[in-house]
Amino acid sequence: MKTGVKVLLSILIIVAGVVIMLGVAGVMLVRQIHVKETGVGDHKTVSVDTPFGSAHVQPRKDLDPSSIGVPIYPGATRTDDHGGAEFQFDSGDFHKEFDVAGALYYSNDDVDKVRQYYEQKFPDWKQKSDQKGDWHLETHEGNRIRSVSVNSESGRTRITVASLGPPASN
């Protein structure tokens, strides 16, 4: 066999070996991921455990927006199918646990009126808007991020409030 062919054959064998090892490692990793649902209805929790950490998601129809630190626009209502949610992630020694809490509300008032309400409540928060007309307001306080998003949806104003940070603050 010529030297060039031997080198090419060696490279192909090495690449095939690496691909096989990565495939075996991927299968082993997937087998270590466990998804578990507990509870029923509004009290259902979904947990995902991996070698890198665990995540837990729980619906919170009873989520009190004041626990997020963002008041709800007067007269806004939460729909039955869009309650709040809490998310916790813990990756052991590498990262600390954090929570995400949020809720979705609707108002019949127009977007500008709702936006003005939140601008008056939080004049120091950072404002952003995008080309679609969505408007966002957020603040970073220590390790906590709080936000409000306002946009038009099906003739109503959609209001999303959220908080992300260490669990002690939620």
N, C-alpha and C. Protein backbone atom coordinates (compact mmCIF):
# COMPACT_ATOMS: atom_id res chain seq x y z
N MET A 1 0.83 -1.17 0.00
CA MET A 1 0.00 0.00 0.00
C MET A 1 0.88 1.25 0.00
N LYS A 2 0.44 2.26 -0.70
CA LYS A 2 1.19 3.50 -0.76
C LYS A 2 1.04 4.24 0.57
N THR A 3 2.01 5.09 0.87
CA THR A 3 2.04 5.84 2.12
C THR A 3 0.83 6.75 2.27
N GLY A 4 0.43 7.45 1.22
CA GLY A 4 -0.72 8.36 1.27
C GLY A 4 -2.01 7.62 1.61
N VAL A 5 -2.18 6.43 1.04
CA VAL A 5 -3.37 5.63 1.31
C VAL A 5 -3.36 5.15 2.75
N LYS A 6 -2.17 4.76 3.26
CA LYS A 6 -2.06 4.31 4.65
C LYS A 6 -2.42 5.44 5.62
N VAL A 7 -1.97 6.64 5.34
CA VAL A 7 -2.27 7.79 6.21
C VAL A 7 -3.77 8.08 6.18
N LEU A 8 -4.36 8.07 4.99
CA LEU A 8 -5.80 8.32 4.86
C LEU A 8 -6.61 7.25 5.59
N LEU A 9 -6.21 6.00 5.45
CA LEU A 9 -6.89 4.91 6.13
C LEU A 9 -6.77 5.05 7.64
N SER A 10 -5.61 5.44 8.13
CA SER A 10 -5.39 5.65 9.57
C SER A 10 -6.29 6.78 10.09
N ILE A 11 -6.37 7.85 9.33
CA ILE A 11 -7.22 8.99 9.74
C ILE A 11 -8.69 8.55 9.79
N LEU A 12 -9.14 7.79 8.78
CA LEU A 12 -10.52 7.31 8.76
C LEU A 12 -10.81 6.40 9.95
N ILE A 13 -9.89 5.54 10.31
CA ILE A 13 -10.07 4.64 11.46
C ILE A 13 -10.15 5.45 12.76
N ILE A 14 -9.30 6.46 12.90
CA ILE A 14 -9.31 7.30 14.11
C ILE A 14 -10.63 8.06 14.21
N VAL A 15 -11.08 8.66 13.10
CA VAL A 15 -12.34 9.40 13.10
C VAL A 15 -13.51 8.47 13.44
N ALA A 16 -13.53 7.29 12.85
CA ALA A 16 -14.61 6.33 13.14
C ALA A 16 -14.57 5.94 14.63
N GLY A 17 -13.38 5.75 15.19
CA GLY A 17 -13.27 5.41 16.61
C GLY A 17 -13.78 6.53 17.50
N VAL A 18 -13.47 7.77 17.17
CA VAL A 18 -13.94 8.92 17.95
C VAL A 18 -15.47 9.02 17.87
N VAL A 19 -16.03 8.84 16.68
CA VAL A 19 -17.48 8.90 16.51
C VAL A 19 -18.16 7.80 17.33
N ILE A 20 -17.63 6.61 17.32
CA ILE A 20 -18.19 5.51 18.11
C ILE A 20 -18.10 5.82 19.61
N MET A 21 -16.97 6.35 20.08
CA MET A 21 -16.83 6.69 21.50
C MET A 21 -17.80 7.78 21.90
N LEU A 22 -17.98 8.80 21.06
CA LEU A 22 -18.95 9.86 21.36
C LEU A 22 -20.37 9.31 21.40
N GLY A 23 -20.69 8.40 20.50
CA GLY A 23 -22.02 7.78 20.50
C GLY A 23 -22.27 6.99 21.77
N VAL A 24 -21.30 6.21 22.20
CA VAL A 24 -21.43 5.44 23.44
C VAL A 24 -21.57 6.38 24.64
N ALA A 25 -20.76 7.44 24.68
CA ALA A 25 -20.85 8.42 25.78
C ALA A 25 -22.23 9.09 25.79
N GLY A 26 -22.77 9.43 24.63
CA GLY A 26 -24.09 10.04 24.55
C GLY A 26 -25.18 9.12 25.07
N VAL A 27 -25.12 7.85 24.69
CA VAL A 27 -26.11 6.88 25.17
C VAL A 27 -26.01 6.75 26.69
N MET A 28 -24.80 6.69 27.22
CA MET A 28 -24.62 6.58 28.67
C MET A 28 -25.18 7.81 29.38
N LEU A 29 -24.97 8.99 28.81
CA LEU A 29 -25.47 10.22 29.41
C LEU A 29 -27.00 10.25 29.39
N VAL A 30 -27.62 9.89 28.27
CA VAL A 30 -29.07 9.90 28.16
C VAL A 30 -29.69 8.95 29.18
N ARG A 31 -29.04 7.83 29.44
CA ARG A 31 -29.57 6.87 30.42
C ARG A 31 -29.51 7.41 31.84
N GLN A 32 -28.73 8.45 32.09
CA GLN A 32 -28.62 9.03 33.42
C GLN A 32 -29.55 10.22 33.61
N ILE A 33 -30.37 10.55 32.63
CA ILE A 33 -31.34 11.63 32.74
C ILE A 33 -32.68 11.01 33.14
N HIS A 34 -33.23 11.51 34.25
CA HIS A 34 -34.48 10.97 34.78
C HIS A 34 -35.51 12.08 34.88
N VAL A 35 -36.69 11.85 34.28
CA VAL A 35 -37.80 12.80 34.33
C VAL A 35 -38.89 12.17 35.19
N LYS A 36 -39.38 12.96 36.15
CA LYS A 36 -40.40 12.44 37.06
C LYS A 36 -41.49 13.48 37.27
N GLU A 37 -42.75 13.04 37.15
CA GLU A 37 -43.90 13.89 37.43
C GLU A 37 -44.51 13.43 38.75
N THR A 38 -44.80 14.39 39.63
CA THR A 38 -45.48 14.07 40.87
C THR A 38 -46.67 15.00 41.03
N GLY A 39 -47.67 14.55 41.75
CA GLY A 39 -48.85 15.36 41.98
C GLY A 39 -49.82 15.28 40.81
N VAL A 40 -50.94 16.00 40.95
CA VAL A 40 -51.95 16.03 39.90
C VAL A 40 -52.45 17.45 39.71
N GLY A 41 -52.97 17.74 38.54
CA GLY A 41 -53.58 19.03 38.25
C GLY A 41 -52.66 20.20 38.52
N ASP A 42 -53.18 21.18 39.30
CA ASP A 42 -52.41 22.39 39.61
C ASP A 42 -51.26 22.13 40.57
N HIS A 43 -51.20 20.95 41.15
CA HIS A 43 -50.16 20.62 42.13
C HIS A 43 -49.10 19.70 41.54
N LYS A 44 -49.02 19.64 40.22
CA LYS A 44 -48.06 18.76 39.55
C LYS A 44 -46.69 19.43 39.50
N THR A 45 -45.67 18.66 39.80
CA THR A 45 -44.29 19.12 39.70
C THR A 45 -43.56 18.20 38.73
N VAL A 46 -42.76 18.78 37.86
CA VAL A 46 -41.93 18.00 36.95
C VAL A 46 -40.49 18.19 37.38
N SER A 47 -39.79 17.08 37.58
CA SER A 47 -38.39 17.11 37.98
C SER A 47 -37.55 16.41 36.92
N VAL A 48 -36.41 17.01 36.59
CA VAL A 48 -35.47 16.42 35.64
C VAL A 48 -34.12 16.36 36.34
N ASP A 49 -33.62 15.14 36.54
CA ASP A 49 -32.31 14.95 37.17
C ASP A 49 -31.32 14.50 36.12
N THR A 50 -30.17 15.18 36.06
CA THR A 50 -29.10 14.85 35.13
C THR A 50 -27.79 14.76 35.90
N PRO A 51 -26.75 14.26 35.29
CA PRO A 51 -25.45 14.27 35.97
C PRO A 51 -24.94 15.68 36.26
N PHE A 52 -25.51 16.70 35.61
CA PHE A 52 -25.04 18.07 35.76
C PHE A 52 -25.87 18.89 36.74
N GLY A 53 -26.98 18.34 37.20
CA GLY A 53 -27.84 19.06 38.13
C GLY A 53 -29.28 18.62 37.96
N SER A 54 -30.16 19.32 38.67
CA SER A 54 -31.58 18.98 38.59
C SER A 54 -32.41 20.24 38.38
N ALA A 55 -33.55 20.05 37.73
CA ALA A 55 -34.48 21.14 37.49
C ALA A 55 -35.87 20.70 37.95
N HIS A 56 -36.61 21.64 38.54
CA HIS A 56 -37.95 21.37 39.03
C HIS A 56 -38.86 22.51 38.57
N VAL A 57 -39.99 22.16 37.94
CA VAL A 57 -40.95 23.14 37.47
C VAL A 57 -42.29 22.84 38.13
N GLN A 58 -42.91 23.90 38.68
CA GLN A 58 -44.19 23.73 39.36
C GLN A 58 -45.13 24.86 38.97
N PRO A 59 -46.36 24.52 38.52
CA PRO A 59 -47.32 25.58 38.21
C PRO A 59 -47.76 26.28 39.50
N ARG A 60 -48.04 27.57 39.38
CA ARG A 60 -48.46 28.35 40.56
C ARG A 60 -49.60 29.26 40.16
N LYS A 61 -50.81 28.73 40.07
CA LYS A 61 -51.96 29.59 39.77
C LYS A 61 -52.18 30.60 40.87
N ASP A 62 -51.74 30.26 42.09
CA ASP A 62 -51.93 31.14 43.24
C ASP A 62 -50.74 32.07 43.47
N LEU A 63 -49.85 32.17 42.49
CA LEU A 63 -48.66 33.00 42.64
C LEU A 63 -49.06 34.44 42.95
N ASP A 64 -48.54 34.96 44.04
CA ASP A 64 -48.81 36.34 44.44
C ASP A 64 -47.78 37.24 43.75
N PRO A 65 -48.22 38.10 42.82
CA PRO A 65 -47.27 38.94 42.09
C PRO A 65 -46.43 39.82 43.00
N SER A 66 -46.95 40.16 44.19
CA SER A 66 -46.15 40.98 45.10
C SER A 66 -44.91 40.22 45.56
N SER A 67 -44.96 38.87 45.52
CA SER A 67 -43.77 38.10 45.88
C SER A 67 -42.67 38.27 44.83
N ILE A 68 -43.07 38.66 43.62
CA ILE A 68 -42.11 38.93 42.56
C ILE A 68 -41.59 40.36 42.69
N GLY A 69 -42.37 41.22 43.34
CA GLY A 69 -41.98 42.61 43.50
C GLY A 69 -42.48 43.50 42.38
N VAL A 70 -43.49 43.05 41.64
CA VAL A 70 -44.06 43.82 40.54
C VAL A 70 -45.58 43.83 40.73
N PRO A 71 -46.18 45.02 40.90
CA PRO A 71 -47.64 45.06 41.06
C PRO A 71 -48.34 44.72 39.75
N ILE A 72 -49.53 44.17 39.88
CA ILE A 72 -50.32 43.85 38.70
C ILE A 72 -51.14 45.07 38.32
N TYR A 73 -51.21 45.33 37.04
CA TYR A 73 -51.98 46.46 36.52
C TYR A 73 -53.43 46.34 37.01
N PRO A 74 -54.00 47.44 37.52
CA PRO A 74 -55.37 47.41 38.04
C PRO A 74 -56.37 46.90 37.00
N GLY A 75 -57.17 45.93 37.40
CA GLY A 75 -58.18 45.36 36.51
C GLY A 75 -57.67 44.25 35.61
N ALA A 76 -56.36 43.99 35.60
CA ALA A 76 -55.82 42.91 34.77
C ALA A 76 -56.23 41.57 35.38
N THR A 77 -56.48 40.60 34.52
CA THR A 77 -56.89 39.28 34.99
C THR A 77 -55.96 38.21 34.45
N ARG A 78 -55.82 37.18 35.24
CA ARG A 78 -55.01 36.03 34.83
C ARG A 78 -55.96 35.00 34.24
N THR A 79 -55.62 34.44 33.10
CA THR A 79 -56.47 33.42 32.49
C THR A 79 -56.21 32.08 33.16
N ASP A 80 -57.21 31.20 33.10
CA ASP A 80 -57.09 29.89 33.76
C ASP A 80 -55.93 29.07 33.21
N ASP A 81 -55.68 29.19 31.91
CA ASP A 81 -54.64 28.35 31.32
C ASP A 81 -53.25 29.00 31.36
N HIS A 82 -53.14 30.20 31.91
CA HIS A 82 -51.84 30.86 32.00
C HIS A 82 -51.63 31.38 33.41
N GLY A 83 -51.35 30.50 34.32
CA GLY A 83 -51.07 30.91 35.69
C GLY A 83 -49.61 31.27 35.82
N GLY A 84 -49.12 31.18 37.02
CA GLY A 84 -47.71 31.44 37.26
C GLY A 84 -46.94 30.13 37.23
N ALA A 85 -45.65 30.24 37.37
CA ALA A 85 -44.81 29.05 37.42
C ALA A 85 -43.55 29.37 38.21
N GLU A 86 -43.02 28.34 38.86
CA GLU A 86 -41.74 28.47 39.52
C GLU A 86 -40.80 27.42 38.95
N PHE A 87 -39.56 27.80 38.76
CA PHE A 87 -38.54 26.93 38.20
C PHE A 87 -37.34 26.99 39.13
N GLN A 88 -36.83 25.84 39.51
CA GLN A 88 -35.62 25.80 40.33
C GLN A 88 -34.59 24.93 39.63
N PHE A 89 -33.37 25.40 39.65
CA PHE A 89 -32.26 24.63 39.07
C PHE A 89 -31.13 24.60 40.07
N ASP A 90 -30.59 23.43 40.29
CA ASP A 90 -29.47 23.28 41.21
C ASP A 90 -28.43 22.38 40.54
N SER A 91 -27.24 22.89 40.36
CA SER A 91 -26.20 22.08 39.73
C SER A 91 -25.08 21.78 40.72
N GLY A 92 -25.44 21.64 41.97
CA GLY A 92 -24.49 21.23 42.99
C GLY A 92 -23.45 22.28 43.29
N ASP A 93 -22.19 21.88 43.29
CA ASP A 93 -21.10 22.78 43.67
C ASP A 93 -20.81 23.83 42.61
N PHE A 94 -21.18 23.57 41.37
CA PHE A 94 -20.81 24.47 40.28
C PHE A 94 -21.61 25.76 40.29
N HIS A 95 -22.92 25.68 40.49
CA HIS A 95 -23.78 26.86 40.53
C HIS A 95 -24.66 26.79 41.75
N LYS A 96 -25.14 27.95 42.17
CA LYS A 96 -26.13 27.96 43.24
C LYS A 96 -27.51 27.77 42.64
N GLU A 97 -28.42 27.39 43.47
CA GLU A 97 -29.80 27.23 43.07
C GLU A 97 -30.41 28.61 42.76
N PHE A 98 -31.32 28.65 41.81
CA PHE A 98 -32.03 29.91 41.53
C PHE A 98 -33.48 29.59 41.21
N ASP A 99 -34.32 30.58 41.36
CA ASP A 99 -35.74 30.44 41.07
C ASP A 99 -36.14 31.40 39.96
N VAL A 100 -37.11 30.97 39.19
CA VAL A 100 -37.77 31.84 38.22
C VAL A 100 -39.25 31.79 38.57
N ALA A 101 -39.86 32.95 38.74
CA ALA A 101 -41.29 33.01 39.00
C ALA A 101 -41.89 34.01 38.02
N GLY A 102 -43.05 33.68 37.50
CA GLY A 102 -43.67 34.59 36.55
C GLY A 102 -45.15 34.34 36.42
N ALA A 103 -45.84 35.32 35.87
CA ALA A 103 -47.28 35.19 35.66
C ALA A 103 -47.68 36.01 34.45
N LEU A 104 -48.77 35.60 33.82
CA LEU A 104 -49.28 36.24 32.61
C LEU A 104 -50.68 36.78 32.88
N TYR A 105 -50.89 38.05 32.55
CA TYR A 105 -52.17 38.72 32.77
C TYR A 105 -52.62 39.41 31.49
N TYR A 106 -53.92 39.73 31.43
CA TYR A 106 -54.47 40.46 30.30
C TYR A 106 -55.30 41.64 30.81
N SER A 107 -55.32 42.72 30.03
CA SER A 107 -56.13 43.90 30.33
C SER A 107 -56.83 44.34 29.04
N ASN A 108 -58.00 44.93 29.21
CA ASN A 108 -58.71 45.49 28.06
C ASN A 108 -58.23 46.91 27.76
N ASP A 109 -57.43 47.52 28.66
CA ASP A 109 -56.87 48.85 28.40
C ASP A 109 -55.79 48.74 27.33
N ASP A 110 -55.54 49.85 26.61
CA ASP A 110 -54.56 49.78 25.54
C ASP A 110 -53.12 49.73 26.09
N VAL A 111 -52.23 49.30 25.22
CA VAL A 111 -50.83 49.10 25.59
C VAL A 111 -50.21 50.37 26.16
N ASP A 112 -50.47 51.52 25.56
CA ASP A 112 -49.86 52.77 26.03
C ASP A 112 -50.27 53.11 27.46
N LYS A 113 -51.53 52.88 27.79
CA LYS A 113 -52.01 53.16 29.15
C LYS A 113 -51.33 52.24 30.17
N VAL A 114 -51.20 50.97 29.83
CA VAL A 114 -50.53 50.01 30.72
C VAL A 114 -49.05 50.37 30.84
N ARG A 115 -48.42 50.70 29.72
CA ARG A 115 -47.01 51.08 29.73
C ARG A 115 -46.79 52.29 30.63
N GLN A 116 -47.64 53.30 30.53
CA GLN A 116 -47.52 54.50 31.36
C GLN A 116 -47.65 54.18 32.85
N TYR A 117 -48.53 53.24 33.19
CA TYR A 117 -48.70 52.82 34.58
C TYR A 117 -47.38 52.29 35.14
N TYR A 118 -46.74 51.39 34.37
CA TYR A 118 -45.48 50.80 34.84
C TYR A 118 -44.32 51.79 34.80
N GLU A 119 -44.32 52.71 33.84
CA GLU A 119 -43.29 53.74 33.81
C GLU A 119 -43.36 54.62 35.06
N GLN A 120 -44.56 54.92 35.51
CA GLN A 120 -44.73 55.74 36.72
C GLN A 120 -44.34 54.95 37.97
N LYS A 121 -44.65 53.66 38.00
CA LYS A 121 -44.31 52.83 39.16
C LYS A 121 -42.81 52.62 39.29
N PHE A 122 -42.12 52.48 38.15
CA PHE A 122 -40.69 52.14 38.14
C PHE A 122 -39.91 53.07 37.23
N PRO A 123 -39.78 54.35 37.59
CA PRO A 123 -39.10 55.30 36.69
C PRO A 123 -37.61 55.00 36.51
N ASP A 124 -37.00 54.27 37.43
CA ASP A 124 -35.56 53.98 37.34
C ASP A 124 -35.24 52.68 36.62
N TRP A 125 -36.25 51.91 36.25
CA TRP A 125 -36.00 50.65 35.57
C TRP A 125 -35.65 50.90 34.11
N LYS A 126 -34.87 49.99 33.54
CA LYS A 126 -34.43 50.12 32.14
C LYS A 126 -35.58 49.73 31.20
N GLN A 127 -35.83 50.59 30.21
CA GLN A 127 -36.90 50.34 29.25
C GLN A 127 -36.33 49.91 27.90
N LYS A 128 -37.04 48.96 27.27
CA LYS A 128 -36.67 48.52 25.93
C LYS A 128 -37.94 48.29 25.14
N SER A 129 -37.88 48.53 23.85
CA SER A 129 -38.99 48.15 22.98
C SER A 129 -38.39 47.60 21.69
N ASP A 130 -39.15 46.74 21.03
CA ASP A 130 -38.63 46.15 19.80
C ASP A 130 -39.49 46.58 18.61
N GLN A 131 -39.13 46.11 17.43
CA GLN A 131 -39.80 46.52 16.20
C GLN A 131 -41.25 46.05 16.12
N LYS A 132 -41.60 45.00 16.87
CA LYS A 132 -42.97 44.49 16.86
C LYS A 132 -43.89 45.31 17.76
N GLY A 133 -43.32 46.25 18.53
CA GLY A 133 -44.14 47.05 19.43
C GLY A 133 -44.19 46.51 20.84
N ASP A 134 -43.46 45.42 21.10
CA ASP A 134 -43.40 44.88 22.46
C ASP A 134 -42.55 45.82 23.31
N TRP A 135 -42.96 46.00 24.56
CA TRP A 135 -42.29 46.92 25.47
C TRP A 135 -41.86 46.16 26.71
N HIS A 136 -40.62 46.37 27.15
CA HIS A 136 -40.07 45.65 28.30
C HIS A 136 -39.47 46.64 29.28
N LEU A 137 -39.62 46.31 30.54
CA LEU A 137 -39.07 47.12 31.63
C LEU A 137 -38.39 46.14 32.57
N GLU A 138 -37.12 46.42 32.96
CA GLU A 138 -36.45 45.49 33.85
C GLU A 138 -35.46 46.20 34.75
N THR A 139 -35.13 45.51 35.84
CA THR A 139 -34.14 46.01 36.78
C THR A 139 -33.29 44.86 37.27
N HIS A 140 -32.05 45.18 37.58
CA HIS A 140 -31.11 44.21 38.16
C HIS A 140 -30.76 44.73 39.54
N GLU A 141 -31.11 43.98 40.56
CA GLU A 141 -30.82 44.36 41.95
C GLU A 141 -30.04 43.22 42.59
N GLY A 142 -28.75 43.39 42.72
CA GLY A 142 -27.92 42.30 43.24
C GLY A 142 -27.96 41.13 42.28
N ASN A 143 -28.36 39.96 42.78
CA ASN A 143 -28.46 38.76 41.94
C ASN A 143 -29.86 38.54 41.40
N ARG A 144 -30.75 39.49 41.56
CA ARG A 144 -32.15 39.33 41.17
C ARG A 144 -32.46 40.22 39.96
N ILE A 145 -33.20 39.66 39.00
CA ILE A 145 -33.70 40.41 37.85
C ILE A 145 -35.22 40.37 37.93
N ARG A 146 -35.86 41.52 37.84
CA ARG A 146 -37.31 41.61 37.78
C ARG A 146 -37.70 42.30 36.48
N SER A 147 -38.80 41.85 35.87
CA SER A 147 -39.18 42.45 34.59
C SER A 147 -40.70 42.46 34.39
N VAL A 148 -41.10 43.37 33.51
CA VAL A 148 -42.49 43.48 33.04
C VAL A 148 -42.41 43.58 31.52
N SER A 149 -43.23 42.82 30.82
CA SER A 149 -43.34 42.93 29.36
C SER A 149 -44.79 43.22 29.02
N VAL A 150 -45.00 44.14 28.09
CA VAL A 150 -46.35 44.55 27.70
C VAL A 150 -46.42 44.53 26.17
N ASN A 151 -47.45 43.88 25.63
CA ASN A 151 -47.65 43.90 24.19
C ASN A 151 -49.13 43.65 23.87
N SER A 152 -49.49 43.87 22.63
CA SER A 152 -50.86 43.67 22.19
C SER A 152 -51.02 42.25 21.67
N GLU A 153 -52.13 41.61 22.07
CA GLU A 153 -52.39 40.25 21.62
C GLU A 153 -53.90 40.06 21.46
N SER A 154 -54.34 39.82 20.25
CA SER A 154 -55.76 39.55 19.96
C SER A 154 -56.69 40.64 20.50
N GLY A 155 -56.30 41.90 20.34
CA GLY A 155 -57.15 43.00 20.75
C GLY A 155 -57.10 43.34 22.24
N ARG A 156 -56.27 42.63 23.00
CA ARG A 156 -56.11 42.92 24.42
C ARG A 156 -54.64 43.20 24.70
N THR A 157 -54.36 43.70 25.89
CA THR A 157 -52.98 43.95 26.29
C THR A 157 -52.50 42.80 27.16
N ARG A 158 -51.41 42.21 26.75
CA ARG A 158 -50.80 41.09 27.47
C ARG A 158 -49.71 41.65 28.38
N ILE A 159 -49.73 41.26 29.65
CA ILE A 159 -48.77 41.74 30.65
C ILE A 159 -48.10 40.52 31.27
N THR A 160 -46.78 40.45 31.14
CA THR A 160 -46.02 39.35 31.73
C THR A 160 -45.10 39.93 32.80
N VAL A 161 -45.16 39.38 34.03
CA VAL A 161 -44.27 39.80 35.10
C VAL A 161 -43.39 38.61 35.47
N ALA A 162 -42.12 38.87 35.79
CA ALA A 162 -41.21 37.78 36.09
C ALA A 162 -40.11 38.23 37.03
N SER A 163 -39.53 37.24 37.71
CA SER A 163 -38.42 37.48 38.62
C SER A 163 -37.48 36.29 38.52
N LEU A 164 -36.19 36.56 38.51
CA LEU A 164 -35.16 35.52 38.41
C LEU A 164 -34.09 35.84 39.44
N GLY A 165 -33.73 34.86 40.25
CA GLY A 165 -32.68 35.10 41.23
C GLY A 165 -32.60 34.02 42.28
N PRO A 166 -31.85 34.28 43.35
CA PRO A 166 -31.71 33.30 44.42
C PRO A 166 -33.06 33.00 45.08
N PRO A 167 -33.27 31.78 45.55
CA PRO A 167 -34.57 31.40 46.10
C PRO A 167 -34.98 32.20 47.32
N ALA A 168 -34.08 32.67 48.12
CA ALA A 168 -34.43 33.42 49.32
C ALA A 168 -35.18 34.70 49.00
N SER A 169 -34.99 35.25 47.80
CA SER A 169 -35.62 36.52 47.43
C SER A 169 -37.01 36.36 46.88
N ASN A 170 -37.39 35.18 46.43
CA ASN A 170 -38.72 34.97 45.82
C ASN A 170 -39.76 34.76 46.84
